[in-house]
C-alpha cells in the first residue's frame, strides 16, 4: 500500500506520466483528468490522514484530493486524530526555531528528567530532543534517579 501512494505522488509531481492503461499522460493535469473518471469506492485499502486534517477512505480519494490541492501531503496511514495533528503542527513550527538556538547560552529553565531516562540541562535541550523524539515527555524537574 505504501508503494502505491508513493507512485501516485511521484506521478503527480512529475511532468511525464504513463497510466496503467498504457497511454501517455503528458502533465499532472492529464493524470488528474484521468482520476476524475475513476469511481473510488471500488478501490479497497485503508484510510489515510492528510495534512489538511481530512481522513480519506482510500488512496483513490486521497489522489483526487491532491489533484484539487497540490499542497496536500500524507501525514500517516489510518484516520486522522485531530488533537495529535494539531500538536504535531505546533511542534513542527516550534522545532524550526528551537533547532537554530544555541542551548549552551540559554539561561532559562532547570534540569529536566525525561521519559527516556535522560537528564536534559534545561528546557532548550529538552525541546530540541522532542523535535526528534515526538513521544518524549517531561517526567519531572531535576535529575533522573537511576
C-alpha atoms as a PDB file:
ATOM      1  CA  UNK A   1       0.000   0.000   0.000  1.00  0.00           C
ATOM      2  CA  UNK A   2       2.833   2.423   0.829  1.00  0.00           C
ATOM      3  CA  UNK A   3       4.372   1.907  -2.592  1.00  0.00           C
ATOM      4  CA  UNK A   4       1.124   2.731  -4.417  1.00  0.00           C
ATOM      5  CA  UNK A   5       0.813   6.046  -2.569  1.00  0.00           C
ATOM      6  CA  UNK A   6       4.414   6.844  -3.392  1.00  0.00           C
ATOM      7  CA  UNK A   7       3.823   6.037  -7.068  1.00  0.00           C
ATOM      8  CA  UNK A   8       0.741   8.290  -7.199  1.00  0.00           C
ATOM      9  CA  UNK A   9       2.640  11.098  -5.505  1.00  0.00           C
ATOM     10  CA  UNK A  10       5.599  10.741  -7.869  1.00  0.00           C
ATOM     11  CA  UNK A  11       3.292  10.729 -10.872  1.00  0.00           C
ATOM     12  CA  UNK A  12       1.522  13.853  -9.702  1.00  0.00           C
ATOM     13  CA  UNK A  13       4.823  15.631  -9.160  1.00  0.00           C
ATOM     14  CA  UNK A  14       6.416  14.635 -12.465  1.00  0.00           C
ATOM     15  CA  UNK A  15       5.980  16.178 -15.883  1.00  0.00           C
ATOM     16  CA  UNK A  16       5.622  12.920 -17.828  1.00  0.00           C
ATOM     17  CA  UNK A  17       3.232  10.109 -16.900  1.00  0.00           C
ATOM     18  CA  UNK A  18       2.199   6.735 -18.226  1.00  0.00           C
ATOM     19  CA  UNK A  19      -1.104   5.419 -16.918  1.00  0.00           C
ATOM     20  CA  UNK A  20      -1.874   1.813 -16.068  1.00  0.00           C
ATOM     21  CA  UNK A  21      -3.839   1.675 -19.332  1.00  0.00           C
ATOM     22  CA  UNK A  22      -0.624   2.306 -21.238  1.00  0.00           C
ATOM     23  CA  UNK A  23      -1.429   5.698 -22.774  1.00  0.00           C
ATOM     24  CA  UNK A  24       0.862   8.664 -22.342  1.00  0.00           C
ATOM     25  CA  UNK A  25      -0.135  11.347 -19.882  1.00  0.00           C
ATOM     26  CA  UNK A  26       1.950  14.436 -20.526  1.00  0.00           C
ATOM     27  CA  UNK A  27       1.152  16.501 -17.448  1.00  0.00           C
ATOM     28  CA  UNK A  28      -0.189  16.253 -13.915  1.00  0.00           C
ATOM     29  CA  UNK A  29      -3.429  17.685 -15.275  1.00  0.00           C
ATOM     30  CA  UNK A  30      -3.826  14.723 -17.651  1.00  0.00           C
ATOM     31  CA  UNK A  31      -3.427  12.313 -14.747  1.00  0.00           C
ATOM     32  CA  UNK A  32      -5.928  14.290 -12.689  1.00  0.00           C
ATOM     33  CA  UNK A  33      -8.376  14.285 -15.601  1.00  0.00           C
ATOM     34  CA  UNK A  34      -7.949  10.511 -15.758  1.00  0.00           C
ATOM     35  CA  UNK A  35      -8.573  10.217 -11.996  1.00  0.00           C
ATOM     36  CA  UNK A  36     -11.837  12.177 -12.206  1.00  0.00           C
ATOM     37  CA  UNK A  37     -13.316   9.344 -14.259  1.00  0.00           C
ATOM     38  CA  UNK A  38     -12.490   6.724 -11.635  1.00  0.00           C
ATOM     39  CA  UNK A  39     -15.075   5.509  -9.119  1.00  0.00           C
ATOM     40  CA  UNK A  40     -13.156   5.471  -5.847  1.00  0.00           C
ATOM     41  CA  UNK A  41     -15.400   3.263  -3.665  1.00  0.00           C
ATOM     42  CA  UNK A  42     -14.385   0.246  -5.739  1.00  0.00           C
ATOM     43  CA  UNK A  43     -10.785   0.666  -4.540  1.00  0.00           C
ATOM     44  CA  UNK A  44     -10.034  -1.161  -1.342  1.00  0.00           C
ATOM     45  CA  UNK A  45      -7.434  -0.029   1.106  1.00  0.00           C
ATOM     46  CA  UNK A  46      -7.208   1.623   4.441  1.00  0.00           C
ATOM     47  CA  UNK A  47      -7.889   5.181   5.404  1.00  0.00           C
ATOM     48  CA  UNK A  48      -5.274   7.898   5.065  1.00  0.00           C
ATOM     49  CA  UNK A  49      -4.827  11.067   7.097  1.00  0.00           C
ATOM     50  CA  UNK A  50      -3.751  14.098   5.070  1.00  0.00           C
ATOM     51  CA  UNK A  51      -2.125  17.383   6.013  1.00  0.00           C
ATOM     52  CA  UNK A  52      -5.464  19.173   5.552  1.00  0.00           C
ATOM     53  CA  UNK A  53      -6.717  17.094   8.529  1.00  0.00           C
ATOM     54  CA  UNK A  54      -9.127  15.118   6.347  1.00  0.00           C
ATOM     55  CA  UNK A  55      -9.368  11.328   6.589  1.00  0.00           C
ATOM     56  CA  UNK A  56      -9.646   9.840   3.085  1.00  0.00           C
ATOM     57  CA  UNK A  57     -11.303   6.445   2.714  1.00  0.00           C
ATOM     58  CA  UNK A  58      -8.687   5.107   0.284  1.00  0.00           C
ATOM     59  CA  UNK A  59      -5.748   6.013  -1.947  1.00  0.00           C
ATOM     60  CA  UNK A  60      -8.025   6.965  -4.825  1.00  0.00           C
ATOM     61  CA  UNK A  61      -9.873   9.617  -2.792  1.00  0.00           C
ATOM     62  CA  UNK A  62      -6.539  10.894  -1.470  1.00  0.00           C
ATOM     63  CA  UNK A  63      -5.141  11.139  -5.021  1.00  0.00           C
ATOM     64  CA  UNK A  64      -8.187  13.093  -6.197  1.00  0.00           C
ATOM     65  CA  UNK A  65      -7.728  15.493  -3.278  1.00  0.00           C
ATOM     66  CA  UNK A  66      -4.117  16.091  -4.334  1.00  0.00           C
ATOM     67  CA  UNK A  67      -5.395  16.996  -7.800  1.00  0.00           C
ATOM     68  CA  UNK A  68      -7.588  19.676  -6.207  1.00  0.00           C
ATOM     69  CA  UNK A  69      -4.881  20.978  -3.883  1.00  0.00           C
ATOM     70  CA  UNK A  70      -1.226  20.167  -4.601  1.00  0.00           C
ATOM     71  CA  UNK A  71      -0.169  21.263  -1.104  1.00  0.00           C
ATOM     72  CA  UNK A  72      -1.868  18.238   0.494  1.00  0.00           C
ATOM     73  CA  UNK A  73       0.538  15.599   1.769  1.00  0.00           C
ATOM     74  CA  UNK A  74       0.195  12.278   3.565  1.00  0.00           C
ATOM     75  CA  UNK A  75       0.546  12.561   7.348  1.00  0.00           C
ATOM     76  CA  UNK A  76       0.039   8.887   8.171  1.00  0.00           C
ATOM     77  CA  UNK A  77      -1.989   5.812   7.297  1.00  0.00           C
ATOM     78  CA  UNK A  78      -5.183   5.457   9.294  1.00  0.00           C
ATOM     79  CA  UNK A  79      -7.782   8.004  10.370  1.00  0.00           C
ATOM     80  CA  UNK A  80      -6.809  11.495  11.469  1.00  0.00           C
ATOM     81  CA  UNK A  81      -6.522  12.149  15.173  1.00  0.00           C
ATOM     82  CA  UNK A  82      -7.122  15.904  15.133  1.00  0.00           C
ATOM     83  CA  UNK A  83      -5.593  16.508  18.546  1.00  0.00           C
ATOM     84  CA  UNK A  84      -2.381  14.741  17.518  1.00  0.00           C
ATOM     85  CA  UNK A  85      -2.191  16.563  14.165  1.00  0.00           C
ATOM     86  CA  UNK A  86      -2.607  19.936  15.887  1.00  0.00           C
ATOM     87  CA  UNK A  87       0.162  19.060  18.352  1.00  0.00           C
ATOM     88  CA  UNK A  88       2.442  17.837  15.555  1.00  0.00           C
ATOM     89  CA  UNK A  89       1.896  21.008  13.508  1.00  0.00           C
ATOM     90  CA  UNK A  90       2.651  23.198  16.526  1.00  0.00           C
ATOM     91  CA  UNK A  91       5.754  21.149  17.299  1.00  0.00           C
ATOM     92  CA  UNK A  92       6.935  21.456  13.672  1.00  0.00           C
ATOM     93  CA  UNK A  93       6.759  25.251  13.859  1.00  0.00           C
ATOM     94  CA  UNK A  94       8.412  25.317  17.273  1.00  0.00           C
ATOM     95  CA  UNK A  95      11.209  22.998  16.138  1.00  0.00           C
ATOM     96  CA  UNK A  96      12.074  25.288  13.254  1.00  0.00           C
ATOM     97  CA  UNK A  97      13.006  27.968  15.796  1.00  0.00           C
ATOM     98  CA  UNK A  98      14.419  25.768  18.548  1.00  0.00           C
ATOM     99  CA  UNK A  99      16.797  23.800  16.338  1.00  0.00           C
ATOM    100  CA  UNK A 100      18.533  27.057  15.442  1.00  0.00           C
ATOM    101  CA  UNK A 101      19.066  28.044  19.075  1.00  0.00           C
ATOM    102  CA  UNK A 102      22.329  27.669  20.976  1.00  0.00           C
ATOM    103  CA  UNK A 103      21.245  25.845  24.130  1.00  0.00           C
ATOM    104  CA  UNK A 104      24.594  26.311  25.869  1.00  0.00           C
ATOM    105  CA  UNK A 105      23.940  30.053  26.147  1.00  0.00           C
ATOM    106  CA  UNK A 106      20.260  29.575  27.066  1.00  0.00           C
ATOM    107  CA  UNK A 107      19.732  30.996  30.562  1.00  0.00           C
ATOM    108  CA  UNK A 108      16.247  29.699  31.385  1.00  0.00           C
ATOM    109  CA  UNK A 109      14.903  26.579  32.985  1.00  0.00           C
ATOM    110  CA  UNK A 110      16.045  23.856  35.309  1.00  0.00           C
ATOM    111  CA  UNK A 111      17.410  20.393  34.700  1.00  0.00           C
ATOM    112  CA  UNK A 112      14.751  18.030  33.339  1.00  0.00           C
ATOM    113  CA  UNK A 113      14.295  14.290  33.771  1.00  0.00           C
ATOM    114  CA  UNK A 114      12.569  12.994  30.632  1.00  0.00           C
ATOM    115  CA  UNK A 115      10.627   9.838  29.815  1.00  0.00           C
ATOM    116  CA  UNK A 116      13.689   8.338  28.108  1.00  0.00           C
ATOM    117  CA  UNK A 117      15.540   8.397  31.446  1.00  0.00           C
ATOM    118  CA  UNK A 118      17.907  11.101  30.212  1.00  0.00           C
ATOM    119  CA  UNK A 119      18.751  14.314  32.020  1.00  0.00           C
ATOM    120  CA  UNK A 120      18.481  17.498  29.983  1.00  0.00           C
ATOM    121  CA  UNK A 121      20.302  20.584  31.246  1.00  0.00           C
ATOM    122  CA  UNK A 122      17.402  22.937  30.521  1.00  0.00           C
ATOM    123  CA  UNK A 123      14.169  23.428  28.584  1.00  0.00           C
ATOM    124  CA  UNK A 124      16.073  24.216  25.394  1.00  0.00           C
ATOM    125  CA  UNK A 125      17.937  20.889  25.329  1.00  0.00           C
ATOM    126  CA  UNK A 126      14.734  19.013  26.206  1.00  0.00           C
ATOM    127  CA  UNK A 127      12.679  20.705  23.468  1.00  0.00           C
ATOM    128  CA  UNK A 128      15.401  20.022  20.882  1.00  0.00           C
ATOM    129  CA  UNK A 129      15.263  16.334  21.812  1.00  0.00           C
ATOM    130  CA  UNK A 130      11.459  16.385  21.420  1.00  0.00           C
ATOM    131  CA  UNK A 131      11.901  17.575  17.841  1.00  0.00           C
ATOM    132  CA  UNK A 132      13.484  14.209  17.068  1.00  0.00           C
ATOM    133  CA  UNK A 133      11.592  12.014  19.550  1.00  0.00           C
ATOM    134  CA  UNK A 134       7.968  13.178  19.425  1.00  0.00           C
ATOM    135  CA  UNK A 135       6.795  10.840  22.205  1.00  0.00           C
ATOM    136  CA  UNK A 136       9.307  12.242  24.695  1.00  0.00           C
ATOM    137  CA  UNK A 137       7.705  13.847  27.734  1.00  0.00           C
ATOM    138  CA  UNK A 138       8.742  15.521  30.980  1.00  0.00           C
ATOM    139  CA  UNK A 139       8.840  13.161  33.975  1.00  0.00           C
ATOM    140  CA  UNK A 140       9.864  15.811  36.477  1.00  0.00           C
ATOM    141  CA  UNK A 141      12.186  18.735  37.035  1.00  0.00           C
ATOM    142  CA  UNK A 142      15.544  17.774  38.488  1.00  0.00           C
ATOM    143  CA  UNK A 143      17.896  14.902  37.763  1.00  0.00           C
ATOM    144  CA  UNK A 144      16.627  11.420  36.964  1.00  0.00           C
ATOM    145  CA  UNK A 145      17.285   8.940  39.740  1.00  0.00           C
ATOM    146  CA  UNK A 146      18.520   5.649  38.296  1.00  0.00           C
END
